[in-house]
Amino acid sequence: MSGEASGEPALSDHVLDEIRGVGGDRLVGEMLEIFSRRTPERLDAARAALAAGDLEAAARALHSLRSGAATVGGPRLAAAAAGLERAARRADAEELASGFGPLEKLAGEALVVARRLAAG
């Protein structure tokens, strides 16, 4: 598994192998590069939306983060983003505040693995 901590991988080798089966190493590399570029942008968008009190925009950014993580096989990041997306839709400021730091940590772990794998 790629970047394993706490039982689940930062990125799933199984998902990456499925992508590889469709488009080879080139497609895997391209998807990891896109993930590596967009994940910080999505985190920044969610953070800015939360700071502005725009929970709908935060939910959209978290949804995009979840989708991107799921696409490249980031189960922990996808689950954390989904939980915060639900919290934003419920206007649960406490859960959003307490969950954003762990989300950023998971994103950082996934990004380290994605960038390493994309570099070959």
PDB file of N, CA and C in Angstrom:
ATOM      1  N   MET A   1       0.828  -1.172   0.000  1.00  0.00           N
ATOM      2  CA  MET A   1       0.000   0.000   0.000  1.00  0.00           C
ATOM      3  C   MET A   1       0.882   1.248   0.000  1.00  0.00           C
ATOM      4  N   SER A   2       0.354   2.319  -0.530  1.00  0.00           N
ATOM      5  CA  SER A   2       1.129   3.535  -0.698  1.00  0.00           C
ATOM      6  C   SER A   2       0.896   4.495   0.455  1.00  0.00           C
ATOM      7  N   GLY A   3       1.943   4.731   1.271  1.00  0.00           N
ATOM      8  CA  GLY A   3       1.850   5.684   2.355  1.00  0.00           C
ATOM      9  C   GLY A   3       0.934   5.228   3.462  1.00  0.00           C
ATOM     10  N   GLU A   4       1.061   4.005   3.900  1.00  0.00           N
ATOM     11  CA  GLU A   4       0.151   3.430   4.877  1.00  0.00           C
ATOM     12  C   GLU A   4       0.416   3.991   6.265  1.00  0.00           C
ATOM     13  N   ALA A   5      -0.647   4.365   6.924  1.00  0.00           N
ATOM     14  CA  ALA A   5      -0.622   4.789   8.326  1.00  0.00           C
ATOM     15  C   ALA A   5      -2.015   4.538   8.856  1.00  0.00           C
ATOM     16  N   SER A   6      -2.103   4.134  10.084  1.00  0.00           N
ATOM     17  CA  SER A   6      -3.382   3.865  10.745  1.00  0.00           C
ATOM     18  C   SER A   6      -4.252   2.860   9.990  1.00  0.00           C
ATOM     19  N   GLY A   7      -3.637   1.891   9.317  1.00  0.00           N
ATOM     20  CA  GLY A   7      -4.398   0.800   8.725  1.00  0.00           C
ATOM     21  C   GLY A   7      -4.799   0.977   7.284  1.00  0.00           C
ATOM     22  N   GLU A   8      -5.156   2.176   6.874  1.00  0.00           N
ATOM     23  CA  GLU A   8      -5.553   2.402   5.482  1.00  0.00           C
ATOM     24  C   GLU A   8      -4.473   3.220   4.797  1.00  0.00           C
ATOM     25  N   PRO A   9      -4.301   3.003   3.494  1.00  0.00           N
ATOM     26  CA  PRO A   9      -3.249   3.727   2.784  1.00  0.00           C
ATOM     27  C   PRO A   9      -3.640   5.177   2.519  1.00  0.00           C
ATOM     28  N   ALA A  10      -2.615   6.025   2.359  1.00  0.00           N
ATOM     29  CA  ALA A  10      -2.865   7.393   1.912  1.00  0.00           C
ATOM     30  C   ALA A  10      -3.445   7.343   0.503  1.00  0.00           C
ATOM     31  N   LEU A  11      -2.891   6.455  -0.328  1.00  0.00           N
ATOM     32  CA  LEU A  11      -3.410   6.199  -1.674  1.00  0.00           C
ATOM     33  C   LEU A  11      -3.404   4.691  -1.891  1.00  0.00           C
ATOM     34  N   SER A  12      -4.472   4.193  -2.447  1.00  0.00           N
ATOM     35  CA  SER A  12      -4.637   2.757  -2.625  1.00  0.00           C
ATOM     36  C   SER A  12      -3.925   2.247  -3.873  1.00  0.00           C
ATOM     37  N   ASP A  13      -3.027   1.298  -3.661  1.00  0.00           N
ATOM     38  CA  ASP A  13      -2.367   0.671  -4.804  1.00  0.00           C
ATOM     39  C   ASP A  13      -3.388   0.005  -5.725  1.00  0.00           C
ATOM     40  N   HIS A  14      -4.441  -0.549  -5.143  1.00  0.00           N
ATOM     41  CA  HIS A  14      -5.472  -1.224  -5.936  1.00  0.00           C
ATOM     42  C   HIS A  14      -6.119  -0.245  -6.921  1.00  0.00           C
ATOM     43  N   VAL A  15      -6.501   0.931  -6.437  1.00  0.00           N
ATOM     44  CA  VAL A  15      -7.128   1.924  -7.316  1.00  0.00           C
ATOM     45  C   VAL A  15      -6.130   2.391  -8.372  1.00  0.00           C
ATOM     46  N   LEU A  16      -4.917   2.655  -7.956  1.00  0.00           N
ATOM     47  CA  LEU A  16      -3.903   3.089  -8.918  1.00  0.00           C
ATOM     48  C   LEU A  16      -3.629   2.010  -9.961  1.00  0.00           C
ATOM     49  N   ASP A  17      -3.658   0.744  -9.563  1.00  0.00           N
ATOM     50  CA  ASP A  17      -3.489  -0.352 -10.522  1.00  0.00           C
ATOM     51  C   ASP A  17      -4.659  -0.416 -11.507  1.00  0.00           C
ATOM     52  N   GLU A  18      -5.866  -0.124 -11.033  1.00  0.00           N
ATOM     53  CA  GLU A  18      -7.022  -0.091 -11.945  1.00  0.00           C
ATOM     54  C   GLU A  18      -6.862   1.021 -12.973  1.00  0.00           C
ATOM     55  N   ILE A  19      -6.421   2.185 -12.520  1.00  0.00           N
ATOM     56  CA  ILE A  19      -6.179   3.304 -13.446  1.00  0.00           C
ATOM     57  C   ILE A  19      -5.084   2.916 -14.437  1.00  0.00           C
ATOM     58  N   ARG A  20      -4.044   2.287 -13.930  1.00  0.00           N
ATOM     59  CA  ARG A  20      -2.930   1.845 -14.782  1.00  0.00           C
ATOM     60  C   ARG A  20      -3.437   0.869 -15.845  1.00  0.00           C
ATOM     61  N   GLY A  21      -4.373   0.000 -15.472  1.00  0.00           N
ATOM     62  CA  GLY A  21      -4.932  -0.966 -16.409  1.00  0.00           C
ATOM     63  C   GLY A  21      -5.696  -0.317 -17.544  1.00  0.00           C
ATOM     64  N   VAL A  22      -6.238   0.856 -17.292  1.00  0.00           N
ATOM     65  CA  VAL A  22      -6.999   1.582 -18.312  1.00  0.00           C
ATOM     66  C   VAL A  22      -6.080   2.407 -19.210  1.00  0.00           C
ATOM     67  N   GLY A  23      -5.124   3.109 -18.588  1.00  0.00           N
ATOM     68  CA  GLY A  23      -4.321   4.042 -19.371  1.00  0.00           C
ATOM     69  C   GLY A  23      -2.834   3.996 -19.143  1.00  0.00           C
ATOM     70  N   GLY A  24      -2.370   2.977 -18.459  1.00  0.00           N
ATOM     71  CA  GLY A  24      -0.938   2.826 -18.242  1.00  0.00           C
ATOM     72  C   GLY A  24      -0.373   3.808 -17.231  1.00  0.00           C
ATOM     73  N   ASP A  25       0.932   3.757 -17.092  1.00  0.00           N
ATOM     74  CA  ASP A  25       1.626   4.619 -16.142  1.00  0.00           C
ATOM     75  C   ASP A  25       1.447   6.098 -16.462  1.00  0.00           C
ATOM     76  N   ARG A  26       1.312   6.402 -17.730  1.00  0.00           N
ATOM     77  CA  ARG A  26       1.144   7.810 -18.122  1.00  0.00           C
ATOM     78  C   ARG A  26      -0.132   8.385 -17.520  1.00  0.00           C
ATOM     79  N   LEU A  27      -1.234   7.645 -17.610  1.00  0.00           N
ATOM     80  CA  LEU A  27      -2.495   8.128 -17.047  1.00  0.00           C
ATOM     81  C   LEU A  27      -2.393   8.249 -15.526  1.00  0.00           C
ATOM     82  N   VAL A  28      -1.784   7.281 -14.880  1.00  0.00           N
ATOM     83  CA  VAL A  28      -1.591   7.354 -13.424  1.00  0.00           C
ATOM     84  C   VAL A  28      -0.819   8.623 -13.078  1.00  0.00           C
ATOM     85  N   GLY A  29       0.270   8.857 -13.789  1.00  0.00           N
ATOM     86  CA  GLY A  29       1.083  10.049 -13.538  1.00  0.00           C
ATOM     87  C   GLY A  29       0.304  11.338 -13.738  1.00  0.00           C
ATOM     88  N   GLU A  30      -0.473  11.395 -14.811  1.00  0.00           N
ATOM     89  CA  GLU A  30      -1.277  12.595 -15.082  1.00  0.00           C
ATOM     90  C   GLU A  30      -2.316  12.823 -13.990  1.00  0.00           C
ATOM     91  N   MET A  31      -2.972  11.760 -13.565  1.00  0.00           N
ATOM     92  CA  MET A  31      -3.996  11.904 -12.529  1.00  0.00           C
ATOM     93  C   MET A  31      -3.378  12.316 -11.198  1.00  0.00           C
ATOM     94  N   LEU A  32      -2.229  11.760 -10.877  1.00  0.00           N
ATOM     95  CA  LEU A  32      -1.549  12.138  -9.638  1.00  0.00           C
ATOM     96  C   LEU A  32      -1.061  13.581  -9.690  1.00  0.00           C
ATOM     97  N   GLU A  33      -0.615  14.028 -10.851  1.00  0.00           N
ATOM     98  CA  GLU A  33      -0.200  15.426 -10.994  1.00  0.00           C
ATOM     99  C   GLU A  33      -1.385  16.366 -10.828  1.00  0.00           C
ATOM    100  N   ILE A  34      -2.527  16.028 -11.409  1.00  0.00           N
ATOM    101  CA  ILE A  34      -3.729  16.841 -11.254  1.00  0.00           C
ATOM    102  C   ILE A  34      -4.157  16.873  -9.790  1.00  0.00           C
ATOM    103  N   PHE A  35      -4.166  15.712  -9.145  1.00  0.00           N
ATOM    104  CA  PHE A  35      -4.510  15.630  -7.735  1.00  0.00           C
ATOM    105  C   PHE A  35      -3.561  16.501  -6.908  1.00  0.00           C
ATOM    106  N   SER A  36      -2.269  16.422  -7.207  1.00  0.00           N
ATOM    107  CA  SER A  36      -1.266  17.184  -6.464  1.00  0.00           C
ATOM    108  C   SER A  36      -1.435  18.687  -6.653  1.00  0.00           C
ATOM    109  N   ARG A  37      -1.888  19.098  -7.790  1.00  0.00           N
ATOM    110  CA  ARG A  37      -2.092  20.524  -8.072  1.00  0.00           C
ATOM    111  C   ARG A  37      -3.410  21.026  -7.480  1.00  0.00           C
ATOM    112  N   ARG A  38      -4.456  20.241  -7.620  1.00  0.00           N
ATOM    113  CA  ARG A  38      -5.778  20.719  -7.220  1.00  0.00           C
ATOM    114  C   ARG A  38      -6.083  20.565  -5.733  1.00  0.00           C
ATOM    115  N   THR A  39      -5.475  19.601  -5.071  1.00  0.00           N
ATOM    116  CA  THR A  39      -5.773  19.401  -3.655  1.00  0.00           C
ATOM    117  C   THR A  39      -5.454  20.638  -2.822  1.00  0.00           C
ATOM    118  N   PRO A  40      -4.281  21.248  -2.945  1.00  0.00           N
ATOM    119  CA  PRO A  40      -4.038  22.474  -2.175  1.00  0.00           C
ATOM    120  C   PRO A  40      -5.009  23.601  -2.540  1.00  0.00           C
ATOM    121  N   GLU A  41      -5.365  23.698  -3.816  1.00  0.00           N
ATOM    122  CA  GLU A  41      -6.334  24.723  -4.239  1.00  0.00           C
ATOM    123  C   GLU A  41      -7.688  24.498  -3.570  1.00  0.00           C
ATOM    124  N   ARG A  42      -8.112  23.246  -3.509  1.00  0.00           N
ATOM    125  CA  ARG A  42      -9.402  22.932  -2.900  1.00  0.00           C
ATOM    126  C   ARG A  42      -9.381  23.167  -1.391  1.00  0.00           C
ATOM    127  N   LEU A  43      -8.272  22.831  -0.755  1.00  0.00           N
ATOM    128  CA  LEU A  43      -8.125  23.118   0.679  1.00  0.00           C
ATOM    129  C   LEU A  43      -8.172  24.621   0.924  1.00  0.00           C
ATOM    130  N   ASP A  44      -7.464  25.385   0.106  1.00  0.00           N
ATOM    131  CA  ASP A  44      -7.467  26.848   0.238  1.00  0.00           C
ATOM    132  C   ASP A  44      -8.871  27.411   0.040  1.00  0.00           C
ATOM    133  N   ALA A  45      -9.585  26.879  -0.944  1.00  0.00           N
ATOM    134  CA  ALA A  45     -10.952  27.354  -1.201  1.00  0.00           C
ATOM    135  C   ALA A  45     -11.868  27.043  -0.023  1.00  0.00           C
ATOM    136  N   ALA A  46     -11.748  25.855   0.529  1.00  0.00           N
ATOM    137  CA  ALA A  46     -12.579  25.486   1.685  1.00  0.00           C
ATOM    138  C   ALA A  46     -12.235  26.361   2.880  1.00  0.00           C
ATOM    139  N   ARG A  47     -10.960  26.564   3.131  1.00  0.00           N
ATOM    140  CA  ARG A  47     -10.510  27.395   4.254  1.00  0.00           C
ATOM    141  C   ARG A  47     -11.019  28.823   4.109  1.00  0.00           C
ATOM    142  N   ALA A  48     -10.899  29.386   2.907  1.00  0.00           N
ATOM    143  CA  ALA A  48     -11.347  30.756   2.668  1.00  0.00           C
ATOM    144  C   ALA A  48     -12.861  30.865   2.819  1.00  0.00           C
ATOM    145  N   ALA A  49     -13.587  29.876   2.314  1.00  0.00           N
ATOM    146  CA  ALA A  49     -15.046  29.900   2.427  1.00  0.00           C
ATOM    147  C   ALA A  49     -15.474  29.818   3.887  1.00  0.00           C
ATOM    148  N   LEU A  50     -14.801  28.964   4.651  1.00  0.00           N
ATOM    149  CA  LEU A  50     -15.128  28.859   6.074  1.00  0.00           C
ATOM    150  C   LEU A  50     -14.837  30.165   6.794  1.00  0.00           C
ATOM    151  N   ALA A  51     -13.716  30.792   6.474  1.00  0.00           N
ATOM    152  CA  ALA A  51     -13.355  32.064   7.103  1.00  0.00           C
ATOM    153  C   ALA A  51     -14.382  33.148   6.777  1.00  0.00           C
ATOM    154  N   ALA A  52     -14.949  33.066   5.579  1.00  0.00           N
ATOM    155  CA  ALA A  52     -15.958  34.044   5.160  1.00  0.00           C
ATOM    156  C   ALA A  52     -17.365  33.674   5.629  1.00  0.00           C
ATOM    157  N   GLY A  53     -17.498  32.509   6.236  1.00  0.00           N
ATOM    158  CA  GLY A  53     -18.821  32.069   6.682  1.00  0.00           C
ATOM    159  C   GLY A  53     -19.701  31.551   5.559  1.00  0.00           C
ATOM    160  N   ASP A  54     -19.100  31.249   4.410  1.00  0.00           N
ATOM    161  CA  ASP A  54     -19.849  30.749   3.255  1.00  0.00           C
ATOM    162  C   ASP A  54     -19.815  29.218   3.275  1.00  0.00           C
ATOM    163  N   LEU A  55     -20.757  28.648   4.003  1.00  0.00           N
ATOM    164  CA  LEU A  55     -20.758  27.196   4.180  1.00  0.00           C
ATOM    165  C   LEU A  55     -21.096  26.447   2.897  1.00  0.00           C
ATOM    166  N   GLU A  56     -21.883  27.046   2.023  1.00  0.00           N
ATOM    167  CA  GLU A  56     -22.198  26.392   0.748  1.00  0.00           C
ATOM    168  C   GLU A  56     -20.939  26.279  -0.114  1.00  0.00           C
ATOM    169  N   ALA A  57     -20.161  27.350  -0.177  1.00  0.00           N
ATOM    170  CA  ALA A  57     -18.913  27.312  -0.943  1.00  0.00           C
ATOM    171  C   ALA A  57     -17.932  26.332  -0.296  1.00  0.00           C
ATOM    172  N   ALA A  58     -17.904  26.281   1.032  1.00  0.00           N
ATOM    173  CA  ALA A  58     -17.036  25.319   1.723  1.00  0.00           C
ATOM    174  C   ALA A  58     -17.450  23.896   1.376  1.00  0.00           C
ATOM    175  N   ALA A  59     -18.762  23.645   1.380  1.00  0.00           N
ATOM    176  CA  ALA A  59     -19.256  22.303   1.047  1.00  0.00           C
ATOM    177  C   ALA A  59     -18.867  21.920  -0.379  1.00  0.00           C
ATOM    178  N   ARG A  60     -18.961  22.869  -1.311  1.00  0.00           N
ATOM    179  CA  ARG A  60     -18.576  22.578  -2.707  1.00  0.00           C
ATOM    180  C   ARG A  60     -17.086  22.248  -2.809  1.00  0.00           C
ATOM    181  N   ALA A  61     -16.248  23.024  -2.120  1.00  0.00           N
ATOM    182  CA  ALA A  61     -14.804  22.772  -2.163  1.00  0.00           C
ATOM    183  C   ALA A  61     -14.476  21.425  -1.524  1.00  0.00           C
ATOM    184  N   LEU A  62     -15.137  21.115  -0.422  1.00  0.00           N
ATOM    185  CA  LEU A  62     -14.908  19.829   0.248  1.00  0.00           C
ATOM    186  C   LEU A  62     -15.405  18.669  -0.602  1.00  0.00           C
ATOM    187  N   HIS A  63     -16.504  18.875  -1.320  1.00  0.00           N
ATOM    188  CA  HIS A  63     -17.016  17.844  -2.231  1.00  0.00           C
ATOM    189  C   HIS A  63     -15.988  17.579  -3.345  1.00  0.00           C
ATOM    190  N   SER A  64     -15.426  18.637  -3.889  1.00  0.00           N
ATOM    191  CA  SER A  64     -14.399  18.478  -4.933  1.00  0.00           C
ATOM    192  C   SER A  64     -13.164  17.780  -4.388  1.00  0.00           C
ATOM    193  N   LEU A  65     -12.778  18.131  -3.168  1.00  0.00           N
ATOM    194  CA  LEU A  65     -11.637  17.477  -2.534  1.00  0.00           C
ATOM    195  C   LEU A  65     -11.915  15.990  -2.341  1.00  0.00           C
ATOM    196  N   ARG A  66     -13.108  15.679  -1.861  1.00  0.00           N
ATOM    197  CA  ARG A  66     -13.504  14.270  -1.666  1.00  0.00           C
ATOM    198  C   ARG A  66     -13.454  13.504  -2.979  1.00  0.00           C
ATOM    199  N   SER A  67     -14.020  14.096  -4.013  1.00  0.00           N
ATOM    200  CA  SER A  67     -14.054  13.426  -5.320  1.00  0.00           C
ATOM    201  C   SER A  67     -12.657  13.185  -5.868  1.00  0.00           C
ATOM    202  N   GLY A  68     -11.803  14.189  -5.763  1.00  0.00           N
ATOM    203  CA  GLY A  68     -10.436  14.036  -6.247  1.00  0.00           C
ATOM    204  C   GLY A  68      -9.682  12.951  -5.502  1.00  0.00           C
ATOM    205  N   ALA A  69      -9.859  12.931  -4.175  1.00  0.00           N
ATOM    206  CA  ALA A  69      -9.181  11.906  -3.372  1.00  0.00           C
ATOM    207  C   ALA A  69      -9.698  10.516  -3.718  1.00  0.00           C
ATOM    208  N   ALA A  70     -11.006  10.379  -3.878  1.00  0.00           N
ATOM    209  CA  ALA A  70     -11.579   9.073  -4.211  1.00  0.00           C
ATOM    210  C   ALA A  70     -11.101   8.594  -5.581  1.00  0.00           C
ATOM    211  N   THR A  71     -10.956   9.512  -6.511  1.00  0.00           N
ATOM    212  CA  THR A  71     -10.547   9.147  -7.867  1.00  0.00           C
ATOM    213  C   THR A  71      -9.167   8.508  -7.899  1.00  0.00           C
ATOM    214  N   VAL A  72      -8.249   8.999  -7.062  1.00  0.00           N
ATOM    215  CA  VAL A  72      -6.896   8.434  -7.053  1.00  0.00           C
ATOM    216  C   VAL A  72      -6.699   7.427  -5.925  1.00  0.00           C
ATOM    217  N   GLY A  73      -7.776   7.079  -5.237  1.00  0.00           N
ATOM    218  CA  GLY A  73      -7.690   6.042  -4.211  1.00  0.00           C
ATOM    219  C   GLY A  73      -7.202   6.533  -2.870  1.00  0.00           C
ATOM    220  N   GLY A  74      -7.667   7.688  -2.442  1.00  0.00           N
ATOM    221  CA  GLY A  74      -7.322   8.225  -1.127  1.00  0.00           C
ATOM    222  C   GLY A  74      -8.481   8.051  -0.160  1.00  0.00           C
ATOM    223  N   PRO A  75      -8.655   6.856   0.412  1.00  0.00           N
ATOM    224  CA  PRO A  75      -9.856   6.589   1.209  1.00  0.00           C
ATOM    225  C   PRO A  75      -9.979   7.412   2.479  1.00  0.00           C
ATOM    226  N   ARG A  76      -8.891   7.628   3.185  1.00  0.00           N
ATOM    227  CA  ARG A  76      -8.979   8.394   4.431  1.00  0.00           C
ATOM    228  C   ARG A  76      -9.267   9.853   4.149  1.00  0.00           C
ATOM    229  N   LEU A  77      -8.598  10.425   3.160  1.00  0.00           N
ATOM    230  CA  LEU A  77      -8.839  11.819   2.799  1.00  0.00           C
ATOM    231  C   LEU A  77     -10.263  11.994   2.275  1.00  0.00           C
ATOM    232  N   ALA A  78     -10.704  11.078   1.429  1.00  0.00           N
ATOM    233  CA  ALA A  78     -12.063  11.166   0.887  1.00  0.00           C
ATOM    234  C   ALA A  78     -13.102  11.099   2.008  1.00  0.00           C
ATOM    235  N   ALA A  79     -12.904  10.200   2.965  1.00  0.00           N
ATOM    236  CA  ALA A  79     -13.859  10.062   4.071  1.00  0.00           C
ATOM    237  C   ALA A  79     -13.872  11.311   4.944  1.00  0.00           C
ATOM    238  N   ALA A  80     -12.700  11.859   5.233  1.00  0.00           N
ATOM    239  CA  ALA A  80     -12.633  13.066   6.060  1.00  0.00           C
ATOM    240  C   ALA A  80     -13.288  14.250   5.355  1.00  0.00           C
ATOM    241  N   ALA A  81     -13.030  14.395   4.062  1.00  0.00           N
ATOM    242  CA  ALA A  81     -13.641  15.490   3.304  1.00  0.00           C
ATOM    243  C   ALA A  81     -15.156  15.325   3.232  1.00  0.00           C
ATOM    244  N   ALA A  82     -15.612  14.083   3.065  1.00  0.00           N
ATOM    245  CA  ALA A  82     -17.059  13.830   3.021  1.00  0.00           C
ATOM    246  C   ALA A  82     -17.710  14.199   4.351  1.00  0.00           C
ATOM    247  N   GLY A  83     -17.054  13.851   5.455  1.00  0.00           N
ATOM    248  CA  GLY A  83     -17.594  14.198   6.761  1.00  0.00           C
ATOM    249  C   GLY A  83     -17.694  15.695   6.964  1.00  0.00           C
ATOM    250  N   LEU A  84     -16.681  16.425   6.535  1.00  0.00           N
ATOM    251  CA  LEU A  84     -16.721  17.877   6.670  1.00  0.00           C
ATOM    252  C   LEU A  84     -17.696  18.510   5.680  1.00  0.00           C
ATOM    253  N   GLU A  85     -17.847  17.902   4.524  1.00  0.00           N
ATOM    254  CA  GLU A  85     -18.857  18.393   3.576  1.00  0.00           C
ATOM    255  C   GLU A  85     -20.241  18.298   4.219  1.00  0.00           C
ATOM    256  N   ARG A  86     -20.525  17.164   4.861  1.00  0.00           N
ATOM    257  CA  ARG A  86     -21.815  16.999   5.546  1.00  0.00           C
ATOM    258  C   ARG A  86     -21.955  18.015   6.680  1.00  0.00           C
ATOM    259  N   ALA A  87     -20.867  18.242   7.403  1.00  0.00           N
ATOM    260  CA  ALA A  87     -20.905  19.219   8.494  1.00  0.00           C
ATOM    261  C   ALA A  87     -21.197  20.621   7.955  1.00  0.00           C
ATOM    262  N   ALA A  88     -20.608  20.965   6.823  1.00  0.00           N
ATOM    263  CA  ALA A  88     -20.864  22.278   6.224  1.00  0.00           C
ATOM    264  C   ALA A  88     -22.325  22.398   5.808  1.00  0.00           C
ATOM    265  N   ARG A  89     -22.873  21.347   5.255  1.00  0.00           N
ATOM    266  CA  ARG A  89     -24.284  21.382   4.828  1.00  0.00           C
ATOM    267  C   ARG A  89     -25.236  21.460   6.024  1.00  0.00           C
ATOM    268  N   ARG A  90     -24.795  20.946   7.189  1.00  0.00           N
ATOM    269  CA  ARG A  90     -25.598  21.031   8.420  1.00  0.00           C
ATOM    270  C   ARG A  90     -25.302  22.309   9.198  1.00  0.00           C
ATOM    271  N   ALA A  91     -24.344  23.088   8.712  1.00  0.00           N
ATOM    272  CA  ALA A  91     -23.892  24.308   9.395  1.00  0.00           C
ATOM    273  C   ALA A  91     -23.346  23.982  10.783  1.00  0.00           C
ATOM    274  N   ASP A  92     -22.592  22.897  10.897  1.00  0.00           N
ATOM    275  CA  ASP A  92     -21.999  22.464  12.155  1.00  0.00           C
ATOM    276  C   ASP A  92     -20.596  23.063  12.280  1.00  0.00           C
ATOM    277  N   ALA A  93     -20.542  24.279  12.779  1.00  0.00           N
ATOM    278  CA  ALA A  93     -19.278  25.010  12.871  1.00  0.00           C
ATOM    279  C   ALA A  93     -18.276  24.304  13.774  1.00  0.00           C
ATOM    280  N   GLU A  94     -18.755  23.669  14.828  1.00  0.00           N
ATOM    281  CA  GLU A  94     -17.857  22.984  15.753  1.00  0.00           C
ATOM    282  C   GLU A  94     -17.133  21.823  15.064  1.00  0.00           C
ATOM    283  N   GLU A  95     -17.888  21.008  14.336  1.00  0.00           N
ATOM    284  CA  GLU A  95     -17.269  19.884  13.630  1.00  0.00           C
ATOM    285  C   GLU A  95     -16.312  20.385  12.551  1.00  0.00           C
ATOM    286  N   LEU A  96     -16.691  21.445  11.859  1.00  0.00           N
ATOM    287  CA  LEU A  96     -15.808  22.006  10.832  1.00  0.00           C
ATOM    288  C   LEU A  96     -14.501  22.498  11.444  1.00  0.00           C
ATOM    289  N   ALA A  97     -14.607  23.187  12.568  1.00  0.00           N
ATOM    290  CA  ALA A  97     -13.415  23.716  13.221  1.00  0.00           C
ATOM    291  C   ALA A  97     -12.510  22.596  13.725  1.00  0.00           C
ATOM    292  N   SER A  98     -13.100  21.581  14.320  1.00  0.00           N
ATOM    293  CA  SER A  98     -12.285  20.500  14.882  1.00  0.00           C
ATOM    294  C   SER A  98     -11.768  19.542  13.810  1.00  0.00           C
ATOM    295  N   GLY A  99     -12.435  19.464  12.685  1.00  0.00           N
ATOM    296  CA  GLY A  99     -12.055  18.497  11.655  1.00  0.00           C
ATOM    297  C   GLY A  99     -11.122  19.010  10.583  1.00  0.00           C
ATOM    298  N   PHE A 100     -10.930  20.335  10.501  1.00  0.00           N
ATOM    299  CA  PHE A 100     -10.137  20.854   9.392  1.00  0.00           C
ATOM    300  C   PHE A 100      -8.655  20.539   9.546  1.00  0.00           C
ATOM    301  N   GLY A 101      -8.131  20.607  10.743  1.00  0.00           N
ATOM    302  CA  GLY A 101      -6.715  20.267  10.962  1.00  0.00           C
ATOM    303  C   GLY A 101      -6.405  18.831  10.577  1.00  0.00           C
ATOM    304  N   PRO A 102      -7.196  17.858  11.077  1.00  0.00           N
ATOM    305  CA  PRO A 102      -6.970  16.473  10.654  1.00  0.00           C
ATOM    306  C   PRO A 102      -7.117  16.282   9.138  1.00  0.00           C
ATOM    307  N   LEU A 103      -8.051  17.020   8.528  1.00  0.00           N
ATOM    308  CA  LEU A 103      -8.212  16.940   7.068  1.00  0.00           C
ATOM    309  C   LEU A 103      -6.935  17.401   6.373  1.00  0.00           C
ATOM    310  N   GLU A 104      -6.384  18.512   6.838  1.00  0.00           N
ATOM    311  CA  GLU A 104      -5.153  19.017   6.234  1.00  0.00           C
ATOM    312  C   GLU A 104      -3.997  18.032   6.416  1.00  0.00           C
ATOM    313  N   LYS A 105      -3.941  17.366   7.556  1.00  0.00           N
ATOM    314  CA  LYS A 105      -2.895  16.360   7.793  1.00  0.00           C
ATOM    315  C   LYS A 105      -3.039  15.195   6.812  1.00  0.00           C
ATOM    316  N   LEU A 106      -4.261  14.714   6.634  1.00  0.00           N
ATOM    317  CA  LEU A 106      -4.502  13.617   5.690  1.00  0.00           C
ATOM    318  C   LEU A 106      -4.167  14.047   4.260  1.00  0.00           C
ATOM    319  N   ALA A 107      -4.527  15.270   3.918  1.00  0.00           N
ATOM    320  CA  ALA A 107      -4.209  15.779   2.577  1.00  0.00           C
ATOM    321  C   ALA A 107      -2.700  15.833   2.389  1.00  0.00           C
ATOM    322  N   GLY A 108      -1.988  16.281   3.404  1.00  0.00           N
ATOM    323  CA  GLY A 108      -0.536  16.333   3.317  1.00  0.00           C
ATOM    324  C   GLY A 108       0.075  14.962   3.102  1.00  0.00           C
ATOM    325  N   GLU A 109      -0.432  13.967   3.829  1.00  0.00           N
ATOM    326  CA  GLU A 109       0.069  12.596   3.655  1.00  0.00           C
ATOM    327  C   GLU A 109      -0.192  12.096   2.243  1.00  0.00           C
ATOM    328  N   ALA A 110      -1.405  12.324   1.731  1.00  0.00           N
ATOM    329  CA  ALA A 110      -1.751  11.876   0.381  1.00  0.00           C
ATOM    330  C   ALA A 110      -0.913  12.606  -0.662  1.00  0.00           C
ATOM    331  N   LEU A 111      -0.657  13.888  -0.438  1.00  0.00           N
ATOM    332  CA  LEU A 111       0.139  14.657  -1.397  1.00  0.00           C
ATOM    333  C   LEU A 111       1.588  14.174  -1.444  1.00  0.00           C
ATOM    334  N   VAL A 112       2.145  13.831  -0.309  1.00  0.00           N
ATOM    335  CA  VAL A 112       3.518  13.307  -0.293  1.00  0.00           C
ATOM    336  C   VAL A 112       3.599  12.052  -1.154  1.00  0.00           C
ATOM    337  N   VAL A 113       2.651  11.151  -0.957  1.00  0.00           N
ATOM    338  CA  VAL A 113       2.644   9.903  -1.728  1.00  0.00           C
ATOM    339  C   VAL A 113       2.389  10.181  -3.203  1.00  0.00           C
ATOM    340  N   ALA A 114       1.404  11.028  -3.499  1.00  0.00           N
ATOM    341  CA  ALA A 114       1.069  11.324  -4.902  1.00  0.00           C
ATOM    342  C   ALA A 114       2.253  11.937  -5.637  1.00  0.00           C
ATOM    343  N   ARG A 115       2.928  12.870  -4.998  1.00  0.00           N
ATOM    344  CA  ARG A 115       4.061  13.527  -5.659  1.00  0.00           C
ATOM    345  C   ARG A 115       5.220  12.565  -5.850  1.00  0.00           C
ATOM    346  N   ARG A 116       5.440  11.701  -4.880  1.00  0.00           N
ATOM    347  CA  ARG A 116       6.499  10.688  -5.005  1.00  0.00           C
ATOM    348  C   ARG A 116       6.201   9.746  -6.167  1.00  0.00           C
ATOM    349  N   LEU A 117       4.961   9.268  -6.223  1.00  0.00           N
ATOM    350  CA  LEU A 117       4.586   8.340  -7.297  1.00  0.00           C
ATOM    351  C   LEU A 117       4.591   9.009  -8.665  1.00  0.00           C
ATOM    352  N   ALA A 118       4.132  10.265  -8.717  1.00  0.00           N
ATOM    353  CA  ALA A 118       4.091  10.972 -10.002  1.00  0.00           C
ATOM    354  C   ALA A 118       5.503  11.233 -10.537  1.00  0.00           C
ATOM    355  N   ALA A 119       6.444  11.410  -9.618  1.00  0.00           N
ATOM    356  CA  ALA A 119       7.831  11.665 -10.029  1.00  0.00           C
ATOM    357  C   ALA A 119       8.509  10.394 -10.563  1.00  0.00           C
ATOM    358  N   GLY A 120       7.859   9.266 -10.296  1.00  0.00           N
ATOM    359  CA  GLY A 120       8.386   8.020 -10.849  1.00  0.00           C
ATOM    360  C   GLY A 120       9.242   7.306  -9.903  1.00  0.00           C
TER     361      GLY A 120
END
